[in-house]
C-alpha atoms as a PDB file:
ATOM      1  CA  MET A   1       0.000   0.000   0.000  1.00  0.00           C
ATOM      2  CA  GLU A   2       1.312   3.444  -0.864  1.00  0.00           C
ATOM      3  CA  ILE A   3       1.443   6.077   1.912  1.00  0.00           C
ATOM      4  CA  PRO A   4      -1.116   8.431   0.246  1.00  0.00           C
ATOM      5  CA  ASP A   5      -3.537   5.475   0.032  1.00  0.00           C
ATOM      6  CA  LEU A   6      -2.984   4.723   3.726  1.00  0.00           C
ATOM      7  CA  VAL A   7      -3.560   8.365   4.661  1.00  0.00           C
ATOM      8  CA  GLU A   8      -6.774   8.417   2.625  1.00  0.00           C
ATOM      9  CA  ALA A   9      -7.957   5.142   4.183  1.00  0.00           C
ATOM     10  CA  ILE A  10      -7.547   6.369   7.761  1.00  0.00           C
ATOM     11  CA  ASP A  11      -8.696   9.917   7.033  1.00  0.00           C
ATOM     12  CA  VAL A  12     -12.157   9.111   8.399  1.00  0.00           C
ATOM     13  CA  MET A  13     -10.905   9.853  11.914  1.00  0.00           C
ATOM     14  CA  HIS A  14      -8.033  11.473  13.801  1.00  0.00           C
ATOM     15  CA  PHE A  15      -5.996   9.234  16.114  1.00  0.00           C
ATOM     16  CA  ASN A  16      -4.345  10.104  19.403  1.00  0.00           C
ATOM     17  CA  TYR A  17      -1.397   8.017  18.267  1.00  0.00           C
ATOM     18  CA  ILE A  18      -0.334   5.486  15.660  1.00  0.00           C
ATOM     19  CA  ILE A  19       2.295   2.829  16.301  1.00  0.00           C
ATOM     20  CA  PHE A  20       3.883   1.290  13.228  1.00  0.00           C
ATOM     21  CA  ASP A  21       5.284  -2.191  13.691  1.00  0.00           C
ATOM     22  CA  ALA A  22       6.652  -2.192  10.158  1.00  0.00           C
ATOM     23  CA  TYR A  23       9.954  -1.663   8.357  1.00  0.00           C
ATOM     24  CA  PHE A  24      11.279   1.804   7.528  1.00  0.00           C
ATOM     25  CA  MET A  25       8.191   3.785   8.596  1.00  0.00           C
ATOM     26  CA  GLY A  26      10.346   6.329  10.434  1.00  0.00           C
ATOM     27  CA  ASN A  27      11.146   8.179   7.236  1.00  0.00           C
ATOM     28  CA  VAL A  28      10.301  11.854   7.215  1.00  0.00           C
ATOM     29  CA  GLU A  29       8.459  11.742   3.891  1.00  0.00           C
ATOM     30  CA  ALA A  30       5.935   9.116   5.038  1.00  0.00           C
ATOM     31  CA  LEU A  31       5.397  10.617   8.472  1.00  0.00           C
ATOM     32  CA  TYR A  32       5.014  14.129   7.061  1.00  0.00           C
ATOM     33  CA  ASP A  33       2.229  12.813   4.820  1.00  0.00           C
ATOM     34  CA  MET A  34       0.586  11.341   7.924  1.00  0.00           C
ATOM     35  CA  ARG A  35       0.952  14.464  10.099  1.00  0.00           C
ATOM     36  CA  SER A  36      -2.793  15.185  10.089  1.00  0.00           C
ATOM     37  CA  SER A  37      -3.747  11.590  10.882  1.00  0.00           C
ATOM     38  CA  ALA A  38      -2.585  11.503  14.517  1.00  0.00           C
ATOM     39  CA  ASP A  39      -1.211  13.567  17.364  1.00  0.00           C
ATOM     40  CA  TYR A  40       1.797  11.261  17.791  1.00  0.00           C
ATOM     41  CA  ILE A  41       3.432   8.506  15.784  1.00  0.00           C
ATOM     42  CA  ILE A  42       5.884   5.819  16.881  1.00  0.00           C
ATOM     43  CA  ALA A  43       7.902   4.241  14.075  1.00  0.00           C
ATOM     44  CA  SER A  44      11.236   2.664  13.236  1.00  0.00           C
ATOM     45  CA  PRO A  45      13.604   4.313  10.757  1.00  0.00           C
ATOM     46  CA  ALA A  46      15.072   0.865   9.946  1.00  0.00           C
ATOM     47  CA  GLU A  47      14.098  -2.772   9.677  1.00  0.00           C
ATOM     48  CA  LEU A  48      12.220  -4.436  12.516  1.00  0.00           C
ATOM     49  CA  LEU A  49      13.606  -7.871  13.083  1.00  0.00           C
ATOM     50  CA  GLY A  50      12.313 -10.365  15.586  1.00  0.00           C
ATOM     51  CA  ALA A  51       8.878 -10.141  17.116  1.00  0.00           C
ATOM     52  CA  GLY A  52       8.400  -6.379  16.756  1.00  0.00           C
ATOM     53  CA  PHE A  53       7.002  -4.510  19.745  1.00  0.00           C
ATOM     54  CA  PRO A  54       6.784  -6.376  23.078  1.00  0.00           C
ATOM     55  CA  TYR A  55       2.983  -6.334  23.159  1.00  0.00           C
ATOM     56  CA  GLU A  56       2.732  -8.286  26.403  1.00  0.00           C
ATOM     57  CA  THR A  57       4.287  -5.294  28.214  1.00  0.00           C
ATOM     58  CA  ILE A  58       3.152  -2.331  26.117  1.00  0.00           C
ATOM     59  CA  LEU A  59      -0.565  -3.128  25.775  1.00  0.00           C
ATOM     60  CA  PRO A  60      -1.276  -2.377  29.461  1.00  0.00           C
ATOM     61  CA  MET A  61       0.633   0.894  29.037  1.00  0.00           C
ATOM     62  CA  LEU A  62      -1.684   1.917  26.199  1.00  0.00           C
ATOM     63  CA  PHE A  63      -4.705   1.557  28.458  1.00  0.00           C
ATOM     64  CA  GLU A  64      -3.417   3.533  31.450  1.00  0.00           C
ATOM     65  CA  TYR A  65      -6.098   5.770  32.915  1.00  0.00           C
ATOM     66  CA  GLU A  66      -3.677   8.698  33.186  1.00  0.00           C
ATOM     67  CA  GLY A  67      -3.040   8.644  29.443  1.00  0.00           C
ATOM     68  CA  HIS A  68      -0.872   6.893  26.957  1.00  0.00           C
ATOM     69  CA  GLN A  69       2.741   6.387  27.952  1.00  0.00           C
ATOM     70  CA  LEU A  70       4.262   6.698  24.512  1.00  0.00           C
ATOM     71  CA  LYS A  71       7.807   7.582  25.570  1.00  0.00           C
ATOM     72  CA  GLU A  72       7.763   4.704  28.047  1.00  0.00           C
ATOM     73  CA  ILE A  73       6.540   2.385  25.279  1.00  0.00           C
ATOM     74  CA  CYS A  74       9.540   3.396  23.173  1.00  0.00           C
ATOM     75  CA  GLU A  75      11.844   2.779  26.127  1.00  0.00           C
ATOM     76  CA  GLU A  76      10.265  -0.635  26.714  1.00  0.00           C
ATOM     77  CA  TYR A  77      10.707  -1.472  23.046  1.00  0.00           C
ATOM     78  CA  MET A  78      14.405  -0.585  23.209  1.00  0.00           C
ATOM     79  CA  ALA A  79      14.873  -2.498  26.477  1.00  0.00           C
ATOM     80  CA  SER A  80      13.396  -5.603  24.868  1.00  0.00           C
ATOM     81  CA  TYR A  81      16.086  -5.462  22.154  1.00  0.00           C
ATOM     82  CA  GLU A  82      19.012  -4.518  24.392  1.00  0.00           C
ATOM     83  CA  GLY A  83      22.176  -6.064  22.996  1.00  0.00           C
ATOM     84  CA  SER A  84      20.390  -6.856  19.735  1.00  0.00           C
ATOM     85  CA  SER A  85      19.027  -4.624  16.969  1.00  0.00           C
ATOM     86  CA  ALA A  86      16.456  -1.848  17.185  1.00  0.00           C
ATOM     87  CA  THR A  87      15.698   1.785  16.493  1.00  0.00           C
ATOM     88  CA  VAL A  88      12.570   3.764  17.386  1.00  0.00           C
ATOM     89  CA  THR A  89      11.242   7.301  17.080  1.00  0.00           C
ATOM     90  CA  LEU A  90       8.331   9.112  18.734  1.00  0.00           C
ATOM     91  CA  VAL A  91       7.159  12.230  16.896  1.00  0.00           C
ATOM     92  CA  ASP A  92       4.794  15.097  17.691  1.00  0.00           C
ATOM     93  CA  CYS A  93       2.847  15.535  14.459  1.00  0.00           C
ATOM     94  CA  SER A  94       1.745  19.076  15.346  1.00  0.00           C
ATOM     95  CA  LYS A  95       5.332  20.273  14.831  1.00  0.00           C
ATOM     96  CA  PHE A  96       5.840  18.964  11.287  1.00  0.00           C
ATOM     97  CA  ASP A  97       4.990  22.217   9.523  1.00  0.00           C
ATOM     98  CA  ASP A  98       7.783  24.012  11.394  1.00  0.00           C
ATOM     99  CA  LEU A  99      10.185  21.222  10.429  1.00  0.00           C
ATOM    100  CA  ALA A 100       9.120  21.532   6.781  1.00  0.00           C
ATOM    101  CA  THR A 101       9.795  25.287   6.868  1.00  0.00           C
ATOM    102  CA  ALA A 102      13.217  24.747   8.438  1.00  0.00           C
ATOM    103  CA  MET A 103      14.011  21.975   5.951  1.00  0.00           C
ATOM    104  CA  ARG A 104      13.112  24.208   3.021  1.00  0.00           C
ATOM    105  CA  ALA A 105      15.383  26.960   4.372  1.00  0.00           C
ATOM    106  CA  ALA A 106      18.212  24.462   4.918  1.00  0.00           C
ATOM    107  CA  MET A 107      17.895  23.134   1.372  1.00  0.00           C
ATOM    108  CA  GLU A 108      17.892  26.653  -0.074  1.00  0.00           C
ATOM    109  CA  SER A 109      20.855  27.747   2.065  1.00  0.00           C
ATOM    110  CA  GLY A 110      23.344  25.193   0.840  1.00  0.00           C
ATOM    111  CA  ASP A 111      24.558  23.139  -2.042  1.00  0.00           C
ATOM    112  CA  GLN A 112      23.003  19.688  -2.355  1.00  0.00           C
ATOM    113  CA  THR A 113      25.647  18.663  -4.888  1.00  0.00           C
ATOM    114  CA  LYS A 114      28.370  18.728  -2.214  1.00  0.00           C
ATOM    115  CA  VAL A 115      26.790  15.820  -0.311  1.00  0.00           C
ATOM    116  CA  ASP A 116      29.020  12.759  -0.164  1.00  0.00           C
ATOM    117  CA  ILE A 117      26.288  10.134  -0.292  1.00  0.00           C
ATOM    118  CA  ASP A 118      28.791   7.378   0.528  1.00  0.00           C
ATOM    119  CA  ALA A 119      29.618   9.129   3.821  1.00  0.00           C
ATOM    120  CA  LEU A 120      25.988   9.536   4.937  1.00  0.00           C
ATOM    121  CA  GLN A 121      24.609   7.313   7.694  1.00  0.00           C
ATOM    122  CA  ALA A 122      22.492   4.748   5.856  1.00  0.00           C
ATOM    123  CA  PHE A 123      19.791   2.618   7.491  1.00  0.00           C
ATOM    124  CA  ASP A 124      19.676  -0.119   4.880  1.00  0.00           C
ATOM    125  CA  ASN A 125      22.135  -2.296   2.979  1.00  0.00           C
ATOM    126  CA  PHE A 126      20.480  -2.164  -0.425  1.00  0.00           C
ATOM    127  CA  ASP A 127      22.985  -1.943  -3.293  1.00  0.00           C
ATOM    128  CA  ALA A 128      21.865   1.666  -3.768  1.00  0.00           C
ATOM    129  CA  HIS A 129      20.836   2.958  -0.322  1.00  0.00           C
ATOM    130  CA  LEU A 130      17.306   4.298   0.018  1.00  0.00           C
ATOM    131  CA  TYR A 131      17.221   5.425   3.667  1.00  0.00           C
ATOM    132  CA  PHE A 132      19.686   7.956   5.087  1.00  0.00           C
ATOM    133  CA  ASP A 133      19.723   9.832   8.381  1.00  0.00           C
ATOM    134  CA  LEU A 134      17.901  13.143   7.864  1.00  0.00           C
ATOM    135  CA  GLY A 135      19.973  15.135  10.355  1.00  0.00           C
ATOM    136  CA  HIS A 136      23.262  13.919   8.895  1.00  0.00           C
ATOM    137  CA  TYR A 137      22.086  14.854   5.403  1.00  0.00           C
ATOM    138  CA  VAL A 138      21.076  18.389   6.419  1.00  0.00           C
ATOM    139  CA  GLU A 139      24.420  18.873   8.214  1.00  0.00           C
ATOM    140  CA  GLN A 140      26.190  18.328   4.898  1.00  0.00           C
ATOM    141  CA  ILE A 141      24.208  20.934   2.944  1.00  0.00           C
ATOM    142  CA  ALA A 142      22.985  23.693   5.250  1.00  0.00           C
ATOM    143  CA  THR A 143      24.699  26.862   6.372  1.00  0.00           C
ATOM    144  CA  ASP A 144      25.258  27.182  10.129  1.00  0.00           C
ATOM    145  CA  GLU A 145      22.261  29.477  10.633  1.00  0.00           C
ATOM    146  CA  ALA A 146      19.906  27.246   8.646  1.00  0.00           C
ATOM    147  CA  LEU A 147      21.279  24.142  10.360  1.00  0.00           C
ATOM    148  CA  ASN A 148      20.640  25.633  13.807  1.00  0.00           C
ATOM    149  CA  ALA A 149      17.026  26.435  12.870  1.00  0.00           C
ATOM    150  CA  PHE A 150      16.580  22.956  11.417  1.00  0.00           C
ATOM    151  CA  ASN A 151      18.014  21.252  14.520  1.00  0.00           C
ATOM    152  CA  LYS A 152      15.638  23.227  16.757  1.00  0.00           C
ATOM    153  CA  ALA A 153      12.647  22.235  14.626  1.00  0.00           C
ATOM    154  CA  LEU A 154      13.837  18.619  14.542  1.00  0.00           C
ATOM    155  CA  LYS A 155      14.165  18.561  18.328  1.00  0.00           C
ATOM    156  CA  ASP A 156      10.574  19.842  18.632  1.00  0.00           C
ATOM    157  CA  VAL A 157       9.203  17.107  16.353  1.00  0.00           C
ATOM    158  CA  VAL A 158      11.254  14.167  17.621  1.00  0.00           C
ATOM    159  CA  ILE A 159      10.192  13.717  21.247  1.00  0.00           C
ATOM    160  CA  PHE A 160      12.170  10.519  21.703  1.00  0.00           C
ATOM    161  CA  THR A 161      14.566   8.477  19.607  1.00  0.00           C
ATOM    162  CA  ASP A 162      16.961   5.674  20.423  1.00  0.00           C
ATOM    163  CA  HIS A 163      18.906   2.980  18.612  1.00  0.00           C
ATOM    164  CA  THR A 164      21.281   0.130  19.246  1.00  0.00           C
ATOM    165  CA  SER A 165      24.899   0.570  18.139  1.00  0.00           C
ATOM    166  CA  SER A 166      24.284  -1.621  15.114  1.00  0.00           C
ATOM    167  CA  LEU A 167      21.278  -2.925  13.236  1.00  0.00           C
ATOM    168  CA  LEU A 168      20.711  -6.372  11.801  1.00  0.00           C
ATOM    169  CA  THR A 169      19.481  -6.331   8.246  1.00  0.00           C
ATOM    170  CA  VAL A 170      18.310  -8.674   5.551  1.00  0.00           C
ATOM    171  CA  THR A 171      18.796  -6.037   2.842  1.00  0.00           C
ATOM    172  CA  GLY A 172      21.941  -6.381   0.762  1.00  0.00           C
ATOM    173  CA  THR A 173      24.917  -8.648   1.282  1.00  0.00           C
ATOM    174  CA  GLU A 174      26.101  -7.369   4.679  1.00  0.00           C
ATOM    175  CA  ASN A 175      24.002  -8.396   7.676  1.00  0.00           C
ATOM    176  CA  THR A 176      24.762  -5.476  10.019  1.00  0.00           C
ATOM    177  CA  ILE A 177      24.802  -1.695   9.816  1.00  0.00           C
ATOM    178  CA  ALA A 178      26.852   0.347  12.284  1.00  0.00           C
ATOM    179  CA  VAL A 179      24.803   3.259  13.618  1.00  0.00           C
ATOM    180  CA  THR A 180      26.914   6.266  14.489  1.00  0.00           C
ATOM    181  CA  ARG A 181      24.338   8.937  13.616  1.00  0.00           C
ATOM    182  CA  SER A 182      20.599   8.975  14.196  1.00  0.00           C
ATOM    183  CA  SER A 183      18.358  12.018  14.270  1.00  0.00           C
ATOM    184  CA  GLY A 184      15.162   9.986  14.531  1.00  0.00           C
ATOM    185  CA  PHE A 185      14.199  10.226  10.858  1.00  0.00           C
ATOM    186  CA  THR A 186      15.466   8.761   7.652  1.00  0.00           C
ATOM    187  CA  THR A 187      15.068  10.400   4.261  1.00  0.00           C
ATOM    188  CA  TYR A 188      15.451   9.502   0.617  1.00  0.00           C
ATOM    189  CA  VAL A 189      18.359  11.298  -1.081  1.00  0.00           C
ATOM    190  CA  LYS A 190      18.656  11.466  -4.882  1.00  0.00           C
END
């Protein structure tokens, strides 16, 4: 299913939160398209290997009387994959428009042709990478002023993000990806 089709399908109501237990849903393009669908979204910028979210521990957290414990759910997810492979992001969808404005300014401030795509933090091992760390990408193109504005907007959108030091993958020929940079979002770079 394409993201616009998903957005249209769930457009009949607005959700308090959406949790994606699916590969590569933590990319900024998909989540930006979904910004009006929910207040908060939890997603992974990389592959989800294993059993996905630890539902036996997070389901009670979703039904807490005091409200949803989304940050704690992300922490529980990461704890369940300690010493293994995981990455997770919690975003505040109400802040996406500010991020889009800051991203536009960052793109206009710099030179996209100076990006060394081979040096960017990738989150897949496809022969031609599809998912790169958004923050690392913007660092390579933006002027200092535009980068500072972007980082502030990014910090407002990404409430929580965490990752293991490496990720297991079934994409490509290598089976691990070292993670040295992670802003909480991936992006597609031409």
